[in-house]
Amino acid sequence: MNKKTYAHLALILVAIIYGANYSIAKIAMDEPSISPMAMIFMRLGTGVITFSTIYFFWIRENIDRKDLPIFAFCGLTGAALNMSFFFIGLNFTNPINASLVMTSSPVMVIIFSYFIIKEKITAINGIGIFMALIGAAILIYRPTSTEQAGSMLGDFFIFMNATSYALYLVLVKRLIAKYHPFTILLMVFSFGFLFVLPFSIKPFLSIEWVSLDWTVIGSIVFVLIGTTILAYLFNAFALVHVRSSTAGSYIYAQPVVASFFAILMQKDSLQPKMIFCSALIFIGLYLVSKKKKSISKSFLHST
């Protein structure tokens, strides 16, 4: 097989890792002593250690001080808020809903690009944005019972996760052409870790490690090694051999993978409403994609 084929295999692995993450991370979230902030502490800390090692041993490029504010804001939107919204949302909603709502991220990228960097939105893009957002809104909406309101709140946090990440993608655009991908990852994770440290250190220290069974520990290991390290490394390898827009398109496979794992692990079941909403979202995303993709360094994706 040639390197491009290996790149596509790497991207398939990334989609599988991210798709499985919704259900596997949910196992840790269901453990009473593990709060969302504790998971964020572990994930950002693991990222800082891993990417700093790669940076100091293989990259070692200089960082312009005038870029520190944008790195800090990217750390806030692309790591601290992004991960906080994801884990808090996943704590309330189900894996399939979460994966479907996350596909609204490309739509939000188009919207932020229009307002921040003045990229044009065509009429067909506008129709696509409207359809995808309607699909996400219907998916998120619940009647006002206590349990359903909690699930609605979870979906809303996942939507805010997608929105925060989309804003980050637009902001990080000016850094992508200037720095190595792992330099960006190190700075984003480092600033993100600093932002969440005051709120996450105590929840992390409160984890009752001796009471955790191996299923929960395995879930944590998967999130830290699979979702935080391997997914980024596979994406970085793939982007050497395929276009970033090609790599970015694999995000649309995540709901399929997430649904498979959720049903397999009996964490969720497929409902008619999900099928209808996913159809609206995917048709909308197709219409939105009918333009030149300019922001899609997908190896920076963080869930």
C-alpha atoms as a PDB file:
ATOM      1  CA  MET A   1       0.000   0.000   0.000  1.00  0.00           C
ATOM      2  CA  ASN A   2       1.176   3.539  -0.736  1.00  0.00           C
ATOM      3  CA  LYS A   3       1.421   6.293   1.877  1.00  0.00           C
ATOM      4  CA  LYS A   4      -1.877   7.895   0.830  1.00  0.00           C
ATOM      5  CA  THR A   5      -3.679   4.614   1.508  1.00  0.00           C
ATOM      6  CA  TYR A   6      -2.043   4.423   4.929  1.00  0.00           C
ATOM      7  CA  ALA A   7      -3.166   8.013   5.530  1.00  0.00           C
ATOM      8  CA  HIS A   8      -6.791   7.092   4.839  1.00  0.00           C
ATOM      9  CA  LEU A   9      -6.480   4.067   7.133  1.00  0.00           C
ATOM     10  CA  ALA A  10      -5.141   6.396   9.818  1.00  0.00           C
ATOM     11  CA  LEU A  11      -8.150   8.686   9.338  1.00  0.00           C
ATOM     12  CA  ILE A  12     -10.522   5.723   9.609  1.00  0.00           C
ATOM     13  CA  LEU A  13      -8.842   4.845  12.924  1.00  0.00           C
ATOM     14  CA  VAL A  14      -9.309   8.444  14.075  1.00  0.00           C
ATOM     15  CA  ALA A  15     -13.023   8.307  13.229  1.00  0.00           C
ATOM     16  CA  ILE A  16     -13.334   5.007  15.105  1.00  0.00           C
ATOM     17  CA  ILE A  17     -11.516   6.417  18.149  1.00  0.00           C
ATOM     18  CA  TYR A  18     -13.646   9.568  18.272  1.00  0.00           C
ATOM     19  CA  GLY A  19     -16.859   7.655  17.563  1.00  0.00           C
ATOM     20  CA  ALA A  20     -16.134   5.107  20.294  1.00  0.00           C
ATOM     21  CA  ASN A  21     -15.120   7.861  22.689  1.00  0.00           C
ATOM     22  CA  TYR A  22     -18.732   8.978  23.245  1.00  0.00           C
ATOM     23  CA  SER A  23     -19.710   5.630  24.761  1.00  0.00           C
ATOM     24  CA  ILE A  24     -16.393   4.694  26.373  1.00  0.00           C
ATOM     25  CA  ALA A  25     -15.924   8.084  28.048  1.00  0.00           C
ATOM     26  CA  LYS A  26     -19.498   7.763  29.311  1.00  0.00           C
ATOM     27  CA  ILE A  27     -18.379   4.773  31.428  1.00  0.00           C
ATOM     28  CA  ALA A  28     -15.990   7.011  33.383  1.00  0.00           C
ATOM     29  CA  MET A  29     -18.588   9.786  33.556  1.00  0.00           C
ATOM     30  CA  ASP A  30     -21.029   7.394  35.243  1.00  0.00           C
ATOM     31  CA  GLU A  31     -18.550   6.805  38.082  1.00  0.00           C
ATOM     32  CA  PRO A  32     -19.639   9.027  41.034  1.00  0.00           C
ATOM     33  CA  SER A  33     -16.117  10.027  42.107  1.00  0.00           C
ATOM     34  CA  ILE A  34     -15.048  11.112  38.593  1.00  0.00           C
ATOM     35  CA  SER A  35     -16.394  14.537  37.704  1.00  0.00           C
ATOM     36  CA  PRO A  36     -16.133  16.156  34.253  1.00  0.00           C
ATOM     37  CA  MET A  37     -13.470  18.554  35.572  1.00  0.00           C
ATOM     38  CA  ALA A  38     -11.366  15.632  36.826  1.00  0.00           C
ATOM     39  CA  MET A  39     -11.431  14.104  33.334  1.00  0.00           C
ATOM     40  CA  ILE A  40     -10.457  17.446  31.819  1.00  0.00           C
ATOM     41  CA  PHE A  41      -7.506  17.731  34.244  1.00  0.00           C
ATOM     42  CA  MET A  42      -6.257  14.277  33.231  1.00  0.00           C
ATOM     43  CA  ARG A  43      -6.736  14.830  29.525  1.00  0.00           C
ATOM     44  CA  LEU A  44      -5.125  18.266  29.312  1.00  0.00           C
ATOM     45  CA  GLY A  45      -2.309  17.161  31.626  1.00  0.00           C
ATOM     46  CA  THR A  46      -1.634  14.123  29.437  1.00  0.00           C
ATOM     47  CA  GLY A  47      -1.636  16.320  26.349  1.00  0.00           C
ATOM     48  CA  VAL A  48       0.816  18.799  27.880  1.00  0.00           C
ATOM     49  CA  ILE A  49       3.237  16.014  28.843  1.00  0.00           C
ATOM     50  CA  THR A  50       3.002  14.267  25.465  1.00  0.00           C
ATOM     51  CA  PHE A  51       3.176  17.304  23.189  1.00  0.00           C
ATOM     52  CA  SER A  52       5.896  19.022  25.249  1.00  0.00           C
ATOM     53  CA  THR A  53       8.019  15.867  24.887  1.00  0.00           C
ATOM     54  CA  ILE A  54       7.503  15.871  21.110  1.00  0.00           C
ATOM     55  CA  TYR A  55       8.180  19.609  20.945  1.00  0.00           C
ATOM     56  CA  PHE A  56      11.393  19.659  22.987  1.00  0.00           C
ATOM     57  CA  PHE A  57      12.904  16.544  21.384  1.00  0.00           C
ATOM     58  CA  TRP A  58      11.897  17.016  17.735  1.00  0.00           C
ATOM     59  CA  ILE A  59      10.434  20.472  17.006  1.00  0.00           C
ATOM     60  CA  ARG A  60      12.087  23.216  19.082  1.00  0.00           C
ATOM     61  CA  GLU A  61      10.891  26.173  17.050  1.00  0.00           C
ATOM     62  CA  ASN A  62      10.809  29.687  18.434  1.00  0.00           C
ATOM     63  CA  ILE A  63       7.490  31.190  19.493  1.00  0.00           C
ATOM     64  CA  ASP A  64       6.879  34.883  18.813  1.00  0.00           C
ATOM     65  CA  ARG A  65       5.758  36.621  22.024  1.00  0.00           C
ATOM     66  CA  LYS A  66       3.236  38.732  20.160  1.00  0.00           C
ATOM     67  CA  ASP A  67       1.383  35.501  19.309  1.00  0.00           C
ATOM     68  CA  LEU A  68       0.947  34.520  22.977  1.00  0.00           C
ATOM     69  CA  PRO A  69      -2.456  36.288  23.347  1.00  0.00           C
ATOM     70  CA  ILE A  70      -3.913  34.410  20.367  1.00  0.00           C
ATOM     71  CA  PHE A  71      -2.406  31.152  21.679  1.00  0.00           C
ATOM     72  CA  ALA A  72      -4.072  31.901  25.031  1.00  0.00           C
ATOM     73  CA  PHE A  73      -7.459  32.548  23.416  1.00  0.00           C
ATOM     74  CA  CYS A  74      -7.094  29.385  21.345  1.00  0.00           C
ATOM     75  CA  GLY A  75      -6.282  27.504  24.552  1.00  0.00           C
ATOM     76  CA  LEU A  76      -9.468  28.895  26.095  1.00  0.00           C
ATOM     77  CA  THR A  77     -11.780  28.070  23.179  1.00  0.00           C
ATOM     78  CA  GLY A  78     -10.033  24.990  21.753  1.00  0.00           C
ATOM     79  CA  ALA A  79      -9.143  23.219  24.989  1.00  0.00           C
ATOM     80  CA  ALA A  80     -10.558  24.637  28.242  1.00  0.00           C
ATOM     81  CA  LEU A  81     -14.109  25.502  27.134  1.00  0.00           C
ATOM     82  CA  ASN A  82     -14.228  22.892  24.393  1.00  0.00           C
ATOM     83  CA  MET A  83     -13.396  19.972  26.686  1.00  0.00           C
ATOM     84  CA  SER A  84     -15.401  21.355  29.608  1.00  0.00           C
ATOM     85  CA  PHE A  85     -18.562  21.632  27.519  1.00  0.00           C
ATOM     86  CA  PHE A  86     -17.988  18.160  26.054  1.00  0.00           C
ATOM     87  CA  PHE A  87     -17.542  16.257  29.311  1.00  0.00           C
ATOM     88  CA  ILE A  88     -20.253  18.198  31.147  1.00  0.00           C
ATOM     89  CA  GLY A  89     -22.639  17.613  28.235  1.00  0.00           C
ATOM     90  CA  LEU A  90     -21.763  13.927  27.960  1.00  0.00           C
ATOM     91  CA  ASN A  91     -22.513  13.603  31.661  1.00  0.00           C
ATOM     92  CA  PHE A  92     -26.183  14.400  30.896  1.00  0.00           C
ATOM     93  CA  THR A  93     -26.932  13.304  27.348  1.00  0.00           C
ATOM     94  CA  ASN A  94     -26.551  10.062  25.397  1.00  0.00           C
ATOM     95  CA  PRO A  95     -23.680   9.119  23.034  1.00  0.00           C
ATOM     96  CA  ILE A  96     -25.672   9.140  19.771  1.00  0.00           C
ATOM     97  CA  ASN A  97     -27.193  12.567  20.403  1.00  0.00           C
ATOM     98  CA  ALA A  98     -23.788  13.950  21.382  1.00  0.00           C
ATOM     99  CA  SER A  99     -22.130  12.700  18.178  1.00  0.00           C
ATOM    100  CA  LEU A 100     -24.930  14.100  15.999  1.00  0.00           C
ATOM    101  CA  VAL A 101     -24.902  17.522  17.672  1.00  0.00           C
ATOM    102  CA  MET A 102     -21.105  17.656  17.234  1.00  0.00           C
ATOM    103  CA  THR A 103     -21.511  17.597  13.438  1.00  0.00           C
ATOM    104  CA  SER A 104     -22.822  21.163  13.695  1.00  0.00           C
ATOM    105  CA  SER A 105     -19.210  22.281  14.222  1.00  0.00           C
ATOM    106  CA  PRO A 106     -18.449  22.744  10.468  1.00  0.00           C
ATOM    107  CA  VAL A 107     -21.605  24.868  10.152  1.00  0.00           C
ATOM    108  CA  MET A 108     -20.468  27.082  13.017  1.00  0.00           C
ATOM    109  CA  VAL A 109     -17.054  27.419  11.366  1.00  0.00           C
ATOM    110  CA  ILE A 110     -18.751  28.887   8.278  1.00  0.00           C
ATOM    111  CA  ILE A 111     -20.764  31.315  10.426  1.00  0.00           C
ATOM    112  CA  PHE A 112     -17.744  32.507  12.437  1.00  0.00           C
ATOM    113  CA  SER A 113     -15.670  32.781   9.253  1.00  0.00           C
ATOM    114  CA  TYR A 114     -18.305  35.114   7.814  1.00  0.00           C
ATOM    115  CA  PHE A 115     -18.293  37.451  10.813  1.00  0.00           C
ATOM    116  CA  ILE A 116     -14.593  37.305  11.780  1.00  0.00           C
ATOM    117  CA  ILE A 117     -12.611  36.890   8.556  1.00  0.00           C
ATOM    118  CA  LYS A 118     -15.364  37.989   6.144  1.00  0.00           C
ATOM    119  CA  GLU A 119     -15.609  34.772   4.124  1.00  0.00           C
ATOM    120  CA  LYS A 120     -18.650  34.890   1.861  1.00  0.00           C
ATOM    121  CA  ILE A 121     -21.703  32.686   2.427  1.00  0.00           C
ATOM    122  CA  THR A 122     -23.627  31.767  -0.718  1.00  0.00           C
ATOM    123  CA  ALA A 123     -27.385  31.258  -0.838  1.00  0.00           C
ATOM    124  CA  ILE A 124     -26.962  27.466  -0.940  1.00  0.00           C
ATOM    125  CA  ASN A 125     -24.605  27.660   2.060  1.00  0.00           C
ATOM    126  CA  GLY A 126     -27.229  29.673   3.923  1.00  0.00           C
ATOM    127  CA  ILE A 127     -29.912  27.055   3.229  1.00  0.00           C
ATOM    128  CA  GLY A 128     -27.535  24.336   4.421  1.00  0.00           C
ATOM    129  CA  ILE A 129     -26.726  26.226   7.616  1.00  0.00           C
ATOM    130  CA  PHE A 130     -30.434  26.716   8.318  1.00  0.00           C
ATOM    131  CA  MET A 131     -31.249  23.027   7.747  1.00  0.00           C
ATOM    132  CA  ALA A 132     -28.365  21.775   9.903  1.00  0.00           C
ATOM    133  CA  LEU A 133     -29.190  24.148  12.755  1.00  0.00           C
ATOM    134  CA  ILE A 134     -32.896  23.212  12.605  1.00  0.00           C
ATOM    135  CA  GLY A 135     -31.909  19.538  12.759  1.00  0.00           C
ATOM    136  CA  ALA A 136     -29.659  20.179  15.763  1.00  0.00           C
ATOM    137  CA  ALA A 137     -32.353  22.288  17.473  1.00  0.00           C
ATOM    138  CA  ILE A 138     -35.014  19.576  17.060  1.00  0.00           C
ATOM    139  CA  LEU A 139     -32.563  16.976  18.331  1.00  0.00           C
ATOM    140  CA  ILE A 140     -31.719  19.053  21.390  1.00  0.00           C
ATOM    141  CA  TYR A 141     -35.311  20.031  22.253  1.00  0.00           C
ATOM    142  CA  ARG A 142     -37.142  17.973  24.885  1.00  0.00           C
ATOM    143  CA  PRO A 143     -40.442  18.379  26.752  1.00  0.00           C
ATOM    144  CA  THR A 144     -39.966  19.774  30.233  1.00  0.00           C
ATOM    145  CA  SER A 145     -39.845  16.649  32.426  1.00  0.00           C
ATOM    146  CA  THR A 146     -36.866  16.518  34.805  1.00  0.00           C
ATOM    147  CA  GLU A 147     -35.060  13.672  33.032  1.00  0.00           C
ATOM    148  CA  GLN A 148     -35.671  15.054  29.555  1.00  0.00           C
ATOM    149  CA  ALA A 149     -34.687  18.564  30.608  1.00  0.00           C
ATOM    150  CA  GLY A 150     -31.381  17.139  31.847  1.00  0.00           C
ATOM    151  CA  SER A 151     -30.783  15.452  28.489  1.00  0.00           C
ATOM    152  CA  MET A 152     -31.680  18.696  26.713  1.00  0.00           C
ATOM    153  CA  LEU A 153     -29.144  20.537  28.860  1.00  0.00           C
ATOM    154  CA  GLY A 154     -26.521  17.936  27.964  1.00  0.00           C
ATOM    155  CA  ASP A 155     -27.186  18.356  24.236  1.00  0.00           C
ATOM    156  CA  PHE A 156     -26.951  22.127  24.669  1.00  0.00           C
ATOM    157  CA  PHE A 157     -23.510  21.780  26.283  1.00  0.00           C
ATOM    158  CA  ILE A 158     -22.386  19.536  23.406  1.00  0.00           C
ATOM    159  CA  PHE A 159     -23.616  22.206  20.979  1.00  0.00           C
ATOM    160  CA  MET A 160     -21.600  24.806  22.917  1.00  0.00           C
ATOM    161  CA  ASN A 161     -18.635  22.440  22.664  1.00  0.00           C
ATOM    162  CA  ALA A 162     -19.027  22.385  18.870  1.00  0.00           C
ATOM    163  CA  THR A 163     -19.433  26.182  18.827  1.00  0.00           C
ATOM    164  CA  SER A 164     -16.348  26.766  20.971  1.00  0.00           C
ATOM    165  CA  TYR A 165     -14.277  24.475  18.787  1.00  0.00           C
ATOM    166  CA  ALA A 166     -15.534  26.195  15.623  1.00  0.00           C
ATOM    167  CA  LEU A 167     -14.508  29.596  17.004  1.00  0.00           C
ATOM    168  CA  TYR A 168     -11.110  28.138  17.849  1.00  0.00           C
ATOM    169  CA  LEU A 169     -10.648  26.861  14.279  1.00  0.00           C
ATOM    170  CA  VAL A 170     -11.255  30.328  12.885  1.00  0.00           C
ATOM    171  CA  LEU A 171      -8.908  31.963  15.408  1.00  0.00           C
ATOM    172  CA  VAL A 172      -6.126  29.403  14.988  1.00  0.00           C
ATOM    173  CA  LYS A 173      -6.031  29.948  11.220  1.00  0.00           C
ATOM    174  CA  ARG A 174      -3.427  32.710  11.545  1.00  0.00           C
ATOM    175  CA  LEU A 175      -1.141  30.361  13.528  1.00  0.00           C
ATOM    176  CA  ILE A 176      -1.387  27.315  11.249  1.00  0.00           C
ATOM    177  CA  ALA A 177       0.760  28.802   8.478  1.00  0.00           C
ATOM    178  CA  LYS A 178       3.390  30.007  10.949  1.00  0.00           C
ATOM    179  CA  TYR A 179       3.972  27.119  13.368  1.00  0.00           C
ATOM    180  CA  HIS A 180       4.399  23.349  13.361  1.00  0.00           C
ATOM    181  CA  PRO A 181       1.202  21.462  14.296  1.00  0.00           C
ATOM    182  CA  PHE A 182       2.719  20.084  17.510  1.00  0.00           C
ATOM    183  CA  THR A 183       3.878  23.534  18.564  1.00  0.00           C
ATOM    184  CA  ILE A 184       0.279  24.709  18.279  1.00  0.00           C
ATOM    185  CA  LEU A 185      -0.982  21.659  20.174  1.00  0.00           C
ATOM    186  CA  LEU A 186       1.529  22.196  22.976  1.00  0.00           C
ATOM    187  CA  MET A 187       0.583  25.857  23.397  1.00  0.00           C
ATOM    188  CA  VAL A 188      -3.161  25.214  23.144  1.00  0.00           C
ATOM    189  CA  PHE A 189      -3.057  22.378  25.679  1.00  0.00           C
ATOM    190  CA  SER A 190      -0.726  24.320  28.000  1.00  0.00           C
ATOM    191  CA  PHE A 191      -2.906  27.426  28.123  1.00  0.00           C
ATOM    192  CA  GLY A 192      -6.027  25.269  28.367  1.00  0.00           C
ATOM    193  CA  PHE A 193      -4.507  23.408  31.321  1.00  0.00           C
ATOM    194  CA  LEU A 194      -3.693  26.679  33.083  1.00  0.00           C
ATOM    195  CA  PHE A 195      -7.263  27.918  32.587  1.00  0.00           C
ATOM    196  CA  VAL A 196      -8.885  24.808  34.089  1.00  0.00           C
ATOM    197  CA  LEU A 197      -6.280  24.079  36.783  1.00  0.00           C
ATOM    198  CA  PRO A 198      -7.969  26.116  39.573  1.00  0.00           C
ATOM    199  CA  PHE A 199     -11.278  24.339  38.922  1.00  0.00           C
ATOM    200  CA  SER A 200     -10.016  20.824  38.190  1.00  0.00           C
ATOM    201  CA  ILE A 201      -7.208  20.042  40.635  1.00  0.00           C
ATOM    202  CA  LYS A 202      -9.544  19.394  43.591  1.00  0.00           C
ATOM    203  CA  PRO A 203     -11.955  17.139  41.607  1.00  0.00           C
ATOM    204  CA  PHE A 204      -8.927  15.188  40.317  1.00  0.00           C
ATOM    205  CA  LEU A 205      -7.548  14.706  43.845  1.00  0.00           C
ATOM    206  CA  SER A 206     -11.019  13.596  44.979  1.00  0.00           C
ATOM    207  CA  ILE A 207     -11.099  10.559  42.666  1.00  0.00           C
ATOM    208  CA  GLU A 208     -11.424   7.392  44.726  1.00  0.00           C
ATOM    209  CA  TRP A 209      -8.897   5.357  42.737  1.00  0.00           C
ATOM    210  CA  VAL A 210      -9.012   2.288  44.995  1.00  0.00           C
ATOM    211  CA  SER A 211     -12.750   1.889  44.417  1.00  0.00           C
ATOM    212  CA  LEU A 212     -12.589   2.045  40.611  1.00  0.00           C
ATOM    213  CA  ASP A 213     -13.096  -1.209  38.732  1.00  0.00           C
ATOM    214  CA  TRP A 214     -11.068  -2.151  35.674  1.00  0.00           C
ATOM    215  CA  THR A 215     -13.842  -1.112  33.286  1.00  0.00           C
ATOM    216  CA  VAL A 216     -13.685   2.478  34.535  1.00  0.00           C
ATOM    217  CA  ILE A 217      -9.880   2.485  34.521  1.00  0.00           C
ATOM    218  CA  GLY A 218      -9.919   1.131  30.969  1.00  0.00           C
ATOM    219  CA  SER A 219     -12.286   3.933  29.971  1.00  0.00           C
ATOM    220  CA  ILE A 220      -9.911   6.535  31.399  1.00  0.00           C
ATOM    221  CA  VAL A 221      -6.913   4.950  29.654  1.00  0.00           C
ATOM    222  CA  PHE A 222      -8.794   4.964  26.338  1.00  0.00           C
ATOM    223  CA  VAL A 223      -9.667   8.654  26.675  1.00  0.00           C
ATOM    224  CA  LEU A 224      -6.104   9.625  27.623  1.00  0.00           C
ATOM    225  CA  ILE A 225      -4.131   7.434  25.225  1.00  0.00           C
ATOM    226  CA  GLY A 226      -6.620   6.876  22.406  1.00  0.00           C
ATOM    227  CA  THR A 227      -8.543  10.141  22.114  1.00  0.00           C
ATOM    228  CA  THR A 228      -5.855  12.495  23.411  1.00  0.00           C
ATOM    229  CA  ILE A 229      -2.634  11.031  21.962  1.00  0.00           C
ATOM    230  CA  LEU A 230      -3.163   8.429  19.218  1.00  0.00           C
ATOM    231  CA  ALA A 231      -5.933  10.332  17.418  1.00  0.00           C
ATOM    232  CA  TYR A 232      -3.751  13.437  17.154  1.00  0.00           C
ATOM    233  CA  LEU A 233      -0.715  11.436  16.005  1.00  0.00           C
ATOM    234  CA  PHE A 234      -2.722   9.532  13.353  1.00  0.00           C
ATOM    235  CA  ASN A 235      -4.205  12.801  12.102  1.00  0.00           C
ATOM    236  CA  ALA A 236      -0.797  14.486  11.982  1.00  0.00           C
ATOM    237  CA  PHE A 237       0.563  11.576   9.900  1.00  0.00           C
ATOM    238  CA  ALA A 238      -2.451  11.614   7.562  1.00  0.00           C
ATOM    239  CA  LEU A 239      -2.211  15.342   6.886  1.00  0.00           C
ATOM    240  CA  VAL A 240       1.280  14.901   5.458  1.00  0.00           C
ATOM    241  CA  HIS A 241      -0.207  12.822   2.636  1.00  0.00           C
ATOM    242  CA  VAL A 242      -3.794  14.046   2.092  1.00  0.00           C
ATOM    243  CA  ARG A 243      -5.493  17.436   1.975  1.00  0.00           C
ATOM    244  CA  SER A 244      -6.743  18.824   5.257  1.00  0.00           C
ATOM    245  CA  SER A 245     -10.251  19.139   3.767  1.00  0.00           C
ATOM    246  CA  THR A 246     -10.179  15.404   3.038  1.00  0.00           C
ATOM    247  CA  ALA A 247      -9.151  14.668   6.614  1.00  0.00           C
ATOM    248  CA  GLY A 248     -11.828  16.997   7.933  1.00  0.00           C
ATOM    249  CA  SER A 249     -14.567  15.165   6.041  1.00  0.00           C
ATOM    250  CA  TYR A 250     -14.066  12.101   8.230  1.00  0.00           C
ATOM    251  CA  ILE A 251     -15.870  13.881  11.092  1.00  0.00           C
ATOM    252  CA  TYR A 252     -19.121  12.914   9.358  1.00  0.00           C
ATOM    253  CA  ALA A 253     -18.376   9.231  10.002  1.00  0.00           C
ATOM    254  CA  GLN A 254     -18.334   9.771  13.761  1.00  0.00           C
ATOM    255  CA  PRO A 255     -22.129   9.589  14.351  1.00  0.00           C
ATOM    256  CA  VAL A 256     -22.253   6.267  12.491  1.00  0.00           C
ATOM    257  CA  VAL A 257     -19.408   4.851  14.585  1.00  0.00           C
ATOM    258  CA  ALA A 258     -20.827   6.397  17.769  1.00  0.00           C
ATOM    259  CA  SER A 259     -24.246   4.848  17.083  1.00  0.00           C
ATOM    260  CA  PHE A 260     -22.691   1.433  16.494  1.00  0.00           C
ATOM    261  CA  PHE A 261     -20.713   1.485  19.748  1.00  0.00           C
ATOM    262  CA  ALA A 262     -23.588   2.974  21.766  1.00  0.00           C
ATOM    263  CA  ILE A 263     -26.013   0.273  20.636  1.00  0.00           C
ATOM    264  CA  LEU A 264     -23.360  -2.467  20.967  1.00  0.00           C
ATOM    265  CA  MET A 265     -22.570  -1.389  24.547  1.00  0.00           C
ATOM    266  CA  GLN A 266     -26.285  -0.902  25.319  1.00  0.00           C
ATOM    267  CA  LYS A 267     -25.624   2.760  26.167  1.00  0.00           C
ATOM    268  CA  ASP A 268     -28.269   4.022  23.740  1.00  0.00           C
ATOM    269  CA  SER A 269     -30.818   2.997  21.123  1.00  0.00           C
ATOM    270  CA  LEU A 270     -31.600   4.433  17.711  1.00  0.00           C
ATOM    271  CA  GLN A 271     -34.817   6.483  17.679  1.00  0.00           C
ATOM    272  CA  PRO A 272     -36.856   7.773  14.672  1.00  0.00           C
ATOM    273  CA  LYS A 273     -36.252  11.351  15.838  1.00  0.00           C
ATOM    274  CA  MET A 274     -32.482  10.770  15.643  1.00  0.00           C
ATOM    275  CA  ILE A 275     -32.769   9.443  12.082  1.00  0.00           C
ATOM    276  CA  PHE A 276     -34.872  12.436  10.964  1.00  0.00           C
ATOM    277  CA  CYS A 277     -32.570  14.984  12.633  1.00  0.00           C
ATOM    278  CA  SER A 278     -29.418  13.325  11.329  1.00  0.00           C
ATOM    279  CA  ALA A 279     -30.855  13.473   7.802  1.00  0.00           C
ATOM    280  CA  LEU A 280     -31.486  17.228   8.177  1.00  0.00           C
ATOM    281  CA  ILE A 281     -27.996  17.771   9.596  1.00  0.00           C
ATOM    282  CA  PHE A 282     -26.212  15.773   6.900  1.00  0.00           C
ATOM    283  CA  ILE A 283     -28.157  17.335   4.023  1.00  0.00           C
ATOM    284  CA  GLY A 284     -27.416  20.735   5.530  1.00  0.00           C
ATOM    285  CA  LEU A 285     -23.722  19.865   5.887  1.00  0.00           C
ATOM    286  CA  TYR A 286     -23.606  18.758   2.261  1.00  0.00           C
ATOM    287  CA  LEU A 287     -25.029  22.111   1.138  1.00  0.00           C
ATOM    288  CA  VAL A 288     -22.644  23.984   3.454  1.00  0.00           C
ATOM    289  CA  SER A 289     -19.703  22.066   1.989  1.00  0.00           C
ATOM    290  CA  LYS A 290     -20.456  23.456  -1.479  1.00  0.00           C
ATOM    291  CA  LYS A 291     -17.689  26.008  -1.101  1.00  0.00           C
ATOM    292  CA  LYS A 292     -13.939  26.118  -0.845  1.00  0.00           C
ATOM    293  CA  LYS A 293     -12.836  24.758   2.535  1.00  0.00           C
ATOM    294  CA  SER A 294     -10.253  27.110   4.016  1.00  0.00           C
ATOM    295  CA  ILE A 295     -10.205  26.203   7.698  1.00  0.00           C
ATOM    296  CA  SER A 296      -9.803  22.524   8.383  1.00  0.00           C
ATOM    297  CA  LYS A 297      -6.662  21.524  10.242  1.00  0.00           C
ATOM    298  CA  SER A 298      -8.568  18.625  11.689  1.00  0.00           C
ATOM    299  CA  PHE A 299      -5.646  17.167  13.644  1.00  0.00           C
ATOM    300  CA  LEU A 300      -6.412  19.935  16.143  1.00  0.00           C
ATOM    301  CA  HIS A 301      -9.859  18.468  16.789  1.00  0.00           C
ATOM    302  CA  SER A 302     -10.513  18.057  20.485  1.00  0.00           C
ATOM    303  CA  THR A 303     -13.418  16.332  22.149  1.00  0.00           C
END
